[in-house]
Amino acid sequence: MDKSLKDKKIIASKLEATVRMGKSGVTVALVEEIKAQIKNKGMVKVKLLGTRREETKQIAAELAERCNAELVDVRGNTVSLFKKDG
């Protein structure tokens, strides 16, 4: 059974960020690390360090697309990505 978006947000709220994006922004190494963690854990939280609030949603959407993941939640400078269903 697929988890609903609400269920995914609840799961995400209990997790700590395990990946941090620094001054270099979205790099190949960052994308590969996120993909690896999603493959192993099914979900990852990414802390976007040094970003302005208006940039956060744009970066979150880019990460979701490049990592072939579902964007579950954006809270402050933290992004939650889930393995896509199917």
PDB file of N, CA and C in Angstrom:
ATOM      1  N   MET A   1       0.841  -1.177   0.000  1.00  0.00           N
ATOM      2  CA  MET A   1       0.000   0.000   0.000  1.00  0.00           C
ATOM      3  C   MET A   1       0.891   1.246   0.000  1.00  0.00           C
ATOM      4  N   ASP A   2       0.572   2.203  -0.861  1.00  0.00           N
ATOM      5  CA  ASP A   2       1.337   3.440  -0.938  1.00  0.00           C
ATOM      6  C   ASP A   2       1.023   4.326   0.256  1.00  0.00           C
ATOM      7  N   LYS A   3       2.058   4.987   0.722  1.00  0.00           N
ATOM      8  CA  LYS A   3       1.870   5.925   1.824  1.00  0.00           C
ATOM      9  C   LYS A   3       1.291   7.228   1.271  1.00  0.00           C
ATOM     10  N   SER A   4       0.394   7.826   2.016  1.00  0.00           N
ATOM     11  CA  SER A   4      -0.160   9.111   1.603  1.00  0.00           C
ATOM     12  C   SER A   4       0.862  10.211   1.889  1.00  0.00           C
ATOM     13  N   LEU A   5       0.645  11.359   1.294  1.00  0.00           N
ATOM     14  CA  LEU A   5       1.537  12.492   1.522  1.00  0.00           C
ATOM     15  C   LEU A   5       1.552  12.861   3.003  1.00  0.00           C
ATOM     16  N   LYS A   6       0.401  12.791   3.640  1.00  0.00           N
ATOM     17  CA  LYS A   6       0.318  13.100   5.068  1.00  0.00           C
ATOM     18  C   LYS A   6       1.185  12.137   5.881  1.00  0.00           C
ATOM     19  N   ASP A   7       1.125  10.836   5.557  1.00  0.00           N
ATOM     20  CA  ASP A   7       1.945   9.838   6.254  1.00  0.00           C
ATOM     21  C   ASP A   7       3.428  10.114   6.047  1.00  0.00           C
ATOM     22  N   LYS A   8       3.794  10.487   4.831  1.00  0.00           N
ATOM     23  CA  LYS A   8       5.198  10.772   4.528  1.00  0.00           C
ATOM     24  C   LYS A   8       5.693  11.990   5.302  1.00  0.00           C
ATOM     25  N   LYS A   9       4.835  13.007   5.430  1.00  0.00           N
ATOM     26  CA  LYS A   9       5.215  14.197   6.188  1.00  0.00           C
ATOM     27  C   LYS A   9       5.415  13.864   7.666  1.00  0.00           C
ATOM     28  N   ILE A  10       4.581  12.973   8.190  1.00  0.00           N
ATOM     29  CA  ILE A  10       4.724  12.561   9.590  1.00  0.00           C
ATOM     30  C   ILE A  10       6.053  11.844   9.796  1.00  0.00           C
ATOM     31  N   ILE A  11       6.378  10.937   8.878  1.00  0.00           N
ATOM     32  CA  ILE A  11       7.653  10.218   8.955  1.00  0.00           C
ATOM     33  C   ILE A  11       8.810  11.220   8.865  1.00  0.00           C
ATOM     34  N   ALA A  12       8.717  12.146   7.921  1.00  0.00           N
ATOM     35  CA  ALA A  12       9.788  13.128   7.711  1.00  0.00           C
ATOM     36  C   ALA A  12       9.993  14.006   8.939  1.00  0.00           C
ATOM     37  N   SER A  13       8.913  14.340   9.626  1.00  0.00           N
ATOM     38  CA  SER A  13       9.029  15.239  10.774  1.00  0.00           C
ATOM     39  C   SER A  13       9.843  14.628  11.907  1.00  0.00           C
ATOM     40  N   LYS A  14       9.938  13.314  11.932  1.00  0.00           N
ATOM     41  CA  LYS A  14      10.653  12.623  13.003  1.00  0.00           C
ATOM     42  C   LYS A  14      12.124  12.367  12.683  1.00  0.00           C
ATOM     43  N   LEU A  15      12.527  12.649  11.458  1.00  0.00           N
ATOM     44  CA  LEU A  15      13.901  12.379  11.033  1.00  0.00           C
ATOM     45  C   LEU A  15      14.793  13.611  11.183  1.00  0.00           C
ATOM     46  N   GLU A  16      16.074  13.357  11.363  1.00  0.00           N
ATOM     47  CA  GLU A  16      17.081  14.408  11.352  1.00  0.00           C
ATOM     48  C   GLU A  16      17.623  14.545   9.929  1.00  0.00           C
ATOM     49  N   ALA A  17      18.075  15.734   9.579  1.00  0.00           N
ATOM     50  CA  ALA A  17      18.706  15.942   8.278  1.00  0.00           C
ATOM     51  C   ALA A  17      20.023  15.172   8.237  1.00  0.00           C
ATOM     52  N   THR A  18      20.219  14.377   7.191  1.00  0.00           N
ATOM     53  CA  THR A  18      21.434  13.571   7.067  1.00  0.00           C
ATOM     54  C   THR A  18      22.350  14.059   5.950  1.00  0.00           C
ATOM     55  N   VAL A  19      21.870  15.026   5.156  1.00  0.00           N
ATOM     56  CA  VAL A  19      22.666  15.601   4.076  1.00  0.00           C
ATOM     57  C   VAL A  19      22.592  17.114   4.219  1.00  0.00           C
ATOM     58  N   ARG A  20      23.729  17.767   3.983  1.00  0.00           N
ATOM     59  CA  ARG A  20      23.764  19.219   4.045  1.00  0.00           C
ATOM     60  C   ARG A  20      24.323  19.786   2.752  1.00  0.00           C
ATOM     61  N   MET A  21      23.606  20.760   2.195  1.00  0.00           N
ATOM     62  CA  MET A  21      24.066  21.438   0.996  1.00  0.00           C
ATOM     63  C   MET A  21      24.762  22.718   1.426  1.00  0.00           C
ATOM     64  N   GLY A  22      26.011  22.878   1.058  1.00  0.00           N
ATOM     65  CA  GLY A  22      26.792  24.043   1.453  1.00  0.00           C
ATOM     66  C   GLY A  22      26.824  25.127   0.400  1.00  0.00           C
ATOM     67  N   LYS A  23      27.880  25.945   0.456  1.00  0.00           N
ATOM     68  CA  LYS A  23      28.033  27.089  -0.442  1.00  0.00           C
ATOM     69  C   LYS A  23      28.118  26.690  -1.914  1.00  0.00           C
ATOM     70  N   SER A  24      28.579  25.480  -2.179  1.00  0.00           N
ATOM     71  CA  SER A  24      28.740  25.032  -3.563  1.00  0.00           C
ATOM     72  C   SER A  24      27.412  24.808  -4.264  1.00  0.00           C
ATOM     73  N   GLY A  25      26.336  24.727  -3.516  1.00  0.00           N
ATOM     74  CA  GLY A  25      25.013  24.542  -4.108  1.00  0.00           C
ATOM     75  C   GLY A  25      24.781  23.098  -4.521  1.00  0.00           C
ATOM     76  N   VAL A  26      23.938  22.925  -5.539  1.00  0.00           N
ATOM     77  CA  VAL A  26      23.581  21.590  -6.021  1.00  0.00           C
ATOM     78  C   VAL A  26      24.714  21.084  -6.910  1.00  0.00           C
ATOM     79  N   THR A  27      25.467  20.125  -6.400  1.00  0.00           N
ATOM     80  CA  THR A  27      26.593  19.552  -7.140  1.00  0.00           C
ATOM     81  C   THR A  27      26.284  18.103  -7.499  1.00  0.00           C
ATOM     82  N   VAL A  28      27.090  17.545  -8.377  1.00  0.00           N
ATOM     83  CA  VAL A  28      26.936  16.138  -8.753  1.00  0.00           C
ATOM     84  C   VAL A  28      27.110  15.251  -7.526  1.00  0.00           C
ATOM     85  N   ALA A  29      28.086  15.571  -6.685  1.00  0.00           N
ATOM     86  CA  ALA A  29      28.332  14.777  -5.476  1.00  0.00           C
ATOM     87  C   ALA A  29      27.129  14.823  -4.527  1.00  0.00           C
ATOM     88  N   LEU A  30      26.517  15.987  -4.385  1.00  0.00           N
ATOM     89  CA  LEU A  30      25.336  16.124  -3.538  1.00  0.00           C
ATOM     90  C   LEU A  30      24.194  15.272  -4.069  1.00  0.00           C
ATOM     91  N   VAL A  31      23.945  15.356  -5.365  1.00  0.00           N
ATOM     92  CA  VAL A  31      22.867  14.583  -5.994  1.00  0.00           C
ATOM     93  C   VAL A  31      23.116  13.089  -5.826  1.00  0.00           C
ATOM     94  N   GLU A  32      24.345  12.646  -6.024  1.00  0.00           N
ATOM     95  CA  GLU A  32      24.671  11.228  -5.884  1.00  0.00           C
ATOM     96  C   GLU A  32      24.475  10.747  -4.446  1.00  0.00           C
ATOM     97  N   GLU A  33      24.855  11.571  -3.472  1.00  0.00           N
ATOM     98  CA  GLU A  33      24.673  11.209  -2.067  1.00  0.00           C
ATOM     99  C   GLU A  33      23.185  11.093  -1.722  1.00  0.00           C
ATOM    100  N   ILE A  34      22.391  12.032  -2.206  1.00  0.00           N
ATOM    101  CA  ILE A  34      20.948  11.986  -1.953  1.00  0.00           C
ATOM    102  C   ILE A  34      20.339  10.739  -2.590  1.00  0.00           C
ATOM    103  N   LYS A  35      20.728  10.452  -3.831  1.00  0.00           N
ATOM    104  CA  LYS A  35      20.220   9.246  -4.511  1.00  0.00           C
ATOM    105  C   LYS A  35      20.568   7.987  -3.730  1.00  0.00           C
ATOM    106  N   ALA A  36      21.804   7.905  -3.238  1.00  0.00           N
ATOM    107  CA  ALA A  36      22.243   6.729  -2.484  1.00  0.00           C
ATOM    108  C   ALA A  36      21.430   6.566  -1.202  1.00  0.00           C
ATOM    109  N   GLN A  37      21.209   7.669  -0.495  1.00  0.00           N
ATOM    110  CA  GLN A  37      20.446   7.576   0.749  1.00  0.00           C
ATOM    111  C   GLN A  37      18.982   7.235   0.492  1.00  0.00           C
ATOM    112  N   ILE A  38      18.410   7.776  -0.574  1.00  0.00           N
ATOM    113  CA  ILE A  38      17.021   7.432  -0.911  1.00  0.00           C
ATOM    114  C   ILE A  38      16.928   5.957  -1.266  1.00  0.00           C
ATOM    115  N   LYS A  39      17.908   5.466  -2.011  1.00  0.00           N
ATOM    116  CA  LYS A  39      17.903   4.050  -2.381  1.00  0.00           C
ATOM    117  C   LYS A  39      17.988   3.163  -1.140  1.00  0.00           C
ATOM    118  N   ASN A  40      18.833   3.525  -0.174  1.00  0.00           N
ATOM    119  CA  ASN A  40      19.037   2.717   1.026  1.00  0.00           C
ATOM    120  C   ASN A  40      17.939   2.879   2.064  1.00  0.00           C
ATOM    121  N   LYS A  41      17.453   4.112   2.254  1.00  0.00           N
ATOM    122  CA  LYS A  41      16.509   4.396   3.332  1.00  0.00           C
ATOM    123  C   LYS A  41      15.086   4.670   2.863  1.00  0.00           C
ATOM    124  N   GLY A  42      14.926   5.007   1.589  1.00  0.00           N
ATOM    125  CA  GLY A  42      13.606   5.339   1.069  1.00  0.00           C
ATOM    126  C   GLY A  42      13.254   6.803   1.245  1.00  0.00           C
ATOM    127  N   MET A  43      14.014   7.511   2.070  1.00  0.00           N
ATOM    128  CA  MET A  43      13.735   8.918   2.343  1.00  0.00           C
ATOM    129  C   MET A  43      14.999   9.600   2.829  1.00  0.00           C
ATOM    130  N   VAL A  44      15.082  10.914   2.582  1.00  0.00           N
ATOM    131  CA  VAL A  44      16.223  11.687   3.063  1.00  0.00           C
ATOM    132  C   VAL A  44      15.763  13.110   3.371  1.00  0.00           C
ATOM    133  N   LYS A  45      16.390  13.689   4.383  1.00  0.00           N
ATOM    134  CA  LYS A  45      16.174  15.099   4.693  1.00  0.00           C
ATOM    135  C   LYS A  45      17.460  15.841   4.392  1.00  0.00           C
ATOM    136  N   VAL A  46      17.323  16.957   3.694  1.00  0.00           N
ATOM    137  CA  VAL A  46      18.479  17.748   3.274  1.00  0.00           C
ATOM    138  C   VAL A  46      18.369  19.141   3.884  1.00  0.00           C
ATOM    139  N   LYS A  47      19.414  19.567   4.562  1.00  0.00           N
ATOM    140  CA  LYS A  47      19.481  20.908   5.137  1.00  0.00           C
ATOM    141  C   LYS A  47      20.196  21.792   4.128  1.00  0.00           C
ATOM    142  N   LEU A  48      19.545  22.865   3.710  1.00  0.00           N
ATOM    143  CA  LEU A  48      20.116  23.782   2.732  1.00  0.00           C
ATOM    144  C   LEU A  48      20.756  24.943   3.488  1.00  0.00           C
ATOM    145  N   LEU A  49      22.070  24.893   3.622  1.00  0.00           N
ATOM    146  CA  LEU A  49      22.798  25.911   4.379  1.00  0.00           C
ATOM    147  C   LEU A  49      23.099  27.116   3.490  1.00  0.00           C
ATOM    148  N   GLY A  50      22.940  28.300   4.033  1.00  0.00           N
ATOM    149  CA  GLY A  50      23.299  29.520   3.310  1.00  0.00           C
ATOM    150  C   GLY A  50      22.380  29.871   2.158  1.00  0.00           C
ATOM    151  N   THR A  51      21.117  29.447   2.213  1.00  0.00           N
ATOM    152  CA  THR A  51      20.179  29.799   1.142  1.00  0.00           C
ATOM    153  C   THR A  51      19.157  30.799   1.660  1.00  0.00           C
ATOM    154  N   ARG A  52      18.696  31.645   0.765  1.00  0.00           N
ATOM    155  CA  ARG A  52      17.627  32.575   1.125  1.00  0.00           C
ATOM    156  C   ARG A  52      16.296  31.828   1.020  1.00  0.00           C
ATOM    157  N   ARG A  53      15.354  32.287   1.781  1.00  0.00           N
ATOM    158  CA  ARG A  53      14.049  31.629   1.853  1.00  0.00           C
ATOM    159  C   ARG A  53      13.414  31.457   0.468  1.00  0.00           C
ATOM    160  N   GLU A  54      13.529  32.479  -0.379  1.00  0.00           N
ATOM    161  CA  GLU A  54      12.905  32.416  -1.704  1.00  0.00           C
ATOM    162  C   GLU A  54      13.596  31.400  -2.621  1.00  0.00           C
ATOM    163  N   GLU A  55      14.844  31.052  -2.323  1.00  0.00           N
ATOM    164  CA  GLU A  55      15.576  30.064  -3.124  1.00  0.00           C
ATOM    165  C   GLU A  55      15.237  28.628  -2.737  1.00  0.00           C
ATOM    166  N   THR A  56      14.792  28.423  -1.518  1.00  0.00           N
ATOM    167  CA  THR A  56      14.642  27.082  -0.963  1.00  0.00           C
ATOM    168  C   THR A  56      13.716  26.204  -1.793  1.00  0.00           C
ATOM    169  N   LYS A  57      12.540  26.702  -2.153  1.00  0.00           N
ATOM    170  CA  LYS A  57      11.577  25.887  -2.909  1.00  0.00           C
ATOM    171  C   LYS A  57      12.105  25.561  -4.302  1.00  0.00           C
ATOM    172  N   GLN A  58      12.800  26.504  -4.915  1.00  0.00           N
ATOM    173  CA  GLN A  58      13.383  26.272  -6.238  1.00  0.00           C
ATOM    174  C   GLN A  58      14.456  25.184  -6.164  1.00  0.00           C
ATOM    175  N   ILE A  59      15.316  25.257  -5.172  1.00  0.00           N
ATOM    176  CA  ILE A  59      16.366  24.251  -4.994  1.00  0.00           C
ATOM    177  C   ILE A  59      15.747  22.900  -4.667  1.00  0.00           C
ATOM    178  N   ALA A  60      14.711  22.895  -3.830  1.00  0.00           N
ATOM    179  CA  ALA A  60      14.024  21.649  -3.469  1.00  0.00           C
ATOM    180  C   ALA A  60      13.456  20.967  -4.704  1.00  0.00           C
ATOM    181  N   ALA A  61      12.819  21.737  -5.574  1.00  0.00           N
ATOM    182  CA  ALA A  61      12.251  21.176  -6.801  1.00  0.00           C
ATOM    183  C   ALA A  61      13.354  20.628  -7.710  1.00  0.00           C
ATOM    184  N   GLU A  62      14.471  21.343  -7.791  1.00  0.00           N
ATOM    185  CA  GLU A  62      15.599  20.882  -8.610  1.00  0.00           C
ATOM    186  C   GLU A  62      16.175  19.573  -8.063  1.00  0.00           C
ATOM    187  N   LEU A  63      16.336  19.494  -6.744  1.00  0.00           N
ATOM    188  CA  LEU A  63      16.854  18.265  -6.136  1.00  0.00           C
ATOM    189  C   LEU A  63      15.907  17.090  -6.398  1.00  0.00           C
ATOM    190  N   ALA A  64      14.612  17.317  -6.225  1.00  0.00           N
ATOM    191  CA  ALA A  64      13.634  16.247  -6.452  1.00  0.00           C
ATOM    192  C   ALA A  64      13.715  15.743  -7.889  1.00  0.00           C
ATOM    193  N   GLU A  65      13.808  16.670  -8.834  1.00  0.00           N
ATOM    194  CA  GLU A  65      13.878  16.284 -10.242  1.00  0.00           C
ATOM    195  C   GLU A  65      15.176  15.531 -10.556  1.00  0.00           C
ATOM    196  N   ARG A  66      16.303  16.072 -10.114  1.00  0.00           N
ATOM    197  CA  ARG A  66      17.594  15.463 -10.432  1.00  0.00           C
ATOM    198  C   ARG A  66      17.807  14.125  -9.727  1.00  0.00           C
ATOM    199  N   CYS A  67      17.129  13.931  -8.574  1.00  0.00           N
ATOM    200  CA  CYS A  67      17.280  12.692  -7.814  1.00  0.00           C
ATOM    201  C   CYS A  67      16.148  11.710  -8.088  1.00  0.00           C
ATOM    202  N   ASN A  68      15.242  12.080  -8.990  1.00  0.00           N
ATOM    203  CA  ASN A  68      14.084  11.245  -9.307  1.00  0.00           C
ATOM    204  C   ASN A  68      13.337  10.866  -8.025  1.00  0.00           C
ATOM    205  N   ALA A  69      13.066  11.886  -7.206  1.00  0.00           N
ATOM    206  CA  ALA A  69      12.425  11.684  -5.910  1.00  0.00           C
ATOM    207  C   ALA A  69      11.168  12.542  -5.821  1.00  0.00           C
ATOM    208  N   GLU A  70      10.341  12.213  -4.848  1.00  0.00           N
ATOM    209  CA  GLU A  70       9.134  12.991  -4.584  1.00  0.00           C
ATOM    210  C   GLU A  70       9.448  14.021  -3.507  1.00  0.00           C
ATOM    211  N   LEU A  71       9.145  15.268  -3.785  1.00  0.00           N
ATOM    212  CA  LEU A  71       9.306  16.328  -2.801  1.00  0.00           C
ATOM    213  C   LEU A  71       8.129  16.252  -1.832  1.00  0.00           C
ATOM    214  N   VAL A  72       8.424  15.905  -0.584  1.00  0.00           N
ATOM    215  CA  VAL A  72       7.378  15.691   0.413  1.00  0.00           C
ATOM    216  C   VAL A  72       7.100  16.954   1.213  1.00  0.00           C
ATOM    217  N   ASP A  73       8.159  17.665   1.619  1.00  0.00           N
ATOM    218  CA  ASP A  73       7.953  18.800   2.497  1.00  0.00           C
ATOM    219  C   ASP A  73       9.144  19.749   2.433  1.00  0.00           C
ATOM    220  N   VAL A  74       8.869  21.025   2.605  1.00  0.00           N
ATOM    221  CA  VAL A  74       9.899  22.045   2.750  1.00  0.00           C
ATOM    222  C   VAL A  74       9.550  22.828   4.005  1.00  0.00           C
ATOM    223  N   ARG A  75      10.433  22.783   4.979  1.00  0.00           N
ATOM    224  CA  ARG A  75      10.234  23.509   6.241  1.00  0.00           C
ATOM    225  C   ARG A  75      11.480  24.337   6.505  1.00  0.00           C
ATOM    226  N   GLY A  76      11.324  25.645   6.476  1.00  0.00           N
ATOM    227  CA  GLY A  76      12.491  26.506   6.645  1.00  0.00           C
ATOM    228  C   GLY A  76      13.497  26.221   5.549  1.00  0.00           C
ATOM    229  N   ASN A  77      14.702  25.823   5.931  1.00  0.00           N
ATOM    230  CA  ASN A  77      15.736  25.461   4.955  1.00  0.00           C
ATOM    231  C   ASN A  77      15.971  23.958   4.913  1.00  0.00           C
ATOM    232  N   THR A  78      14.964  23.184   5.278  1.00  0.00           N
ATOM    233  CA  THR A  78      15.079  21.724   5.267  1.00  0.00           C
ATOM    234  C   THR A  78      14.080  21.136   4.277  1.00  0.00           C
ATOM    235  N   VAL A  79      14.588  20.224   3.452  1.00  0.00           N
ATOM    236  CA  VAL A  79      13.797  19.602   2.396  1.00  0.00           C
ATOM    237  C   VAL A  79      13.699  18.105   2.664  1.00  0.00           C
ATOM    238  N   SER A  80      12.500  17.551   2.536  1.00  0.00           N
ATOM    239  CA  SER A  80      12.299  16.110   2.707  1.00  0.00           C
ATOM    240  C   SER A  80      11.975  15.499   1.352  1.00  0.00           C
ATOM    241  N   LEU A  81      12.758  14.501   0.970  1.00  0.00           N
ATOM    242  CA  LEU A  81      12.576  13.809  -0.304  1.00  0.00           C
ATOM    243  C   LEU A  81      12.295  12.334  -0.033  1.00  0.00           C
ATOM    244  N   PHE A  82      11.349  11.765  -0.770  1.00  0.00           N
ATOM    245  CA  PHE A  82      10.933  10.374  -0.607  1.00  0.00           C
ATOM    246  C   PHE A  82      11.146   9.646  -1.925  1.00  0.00           C
ATOM    247  N   LYS A  83      11.421   8.384  -1.853  1.00  0.00           N
ATOM    248  CA  LYS A  83      11.553   7.554  -3.044  1.00  0.00           C
ATOM    249  C   LYS A  83      10.220   7.581  -3.793  1.00  0.00           C
ATOM    250  N   LYS A  84      10.281   7.806  -5.107  1.00  0.00           N
ATOM    251  CA  LYS A  84       9.048   7.824  -5.895  1.00  0.00           C
ATOM    252  C   LYS A  84       8.401   6.457  -5.920  1.00  0.00           C
ATOM    253  N   ASP A  85       7.075   6.442  -5.834  1.00  0.00           N
ATOM    254  CA  ASP A  85       6.325   5.191  -5.923  1.00  0.00           C
ATOM    255  C   ASP A  85       6.368   4.679  -7.358  1.00  0.00           C
ATOM    256  N   GLY A  86       6.535   3.385  -7.470  1.00  0.00           N
ATOM    257  CA  GLY A  86       6.476   2.780  -8.803  1.00  0.00           C
ATOM    258  C   GLY A  86       7.716   2.716  -9.533  1.00  0.00           C
TER     259      GLY A  86
END
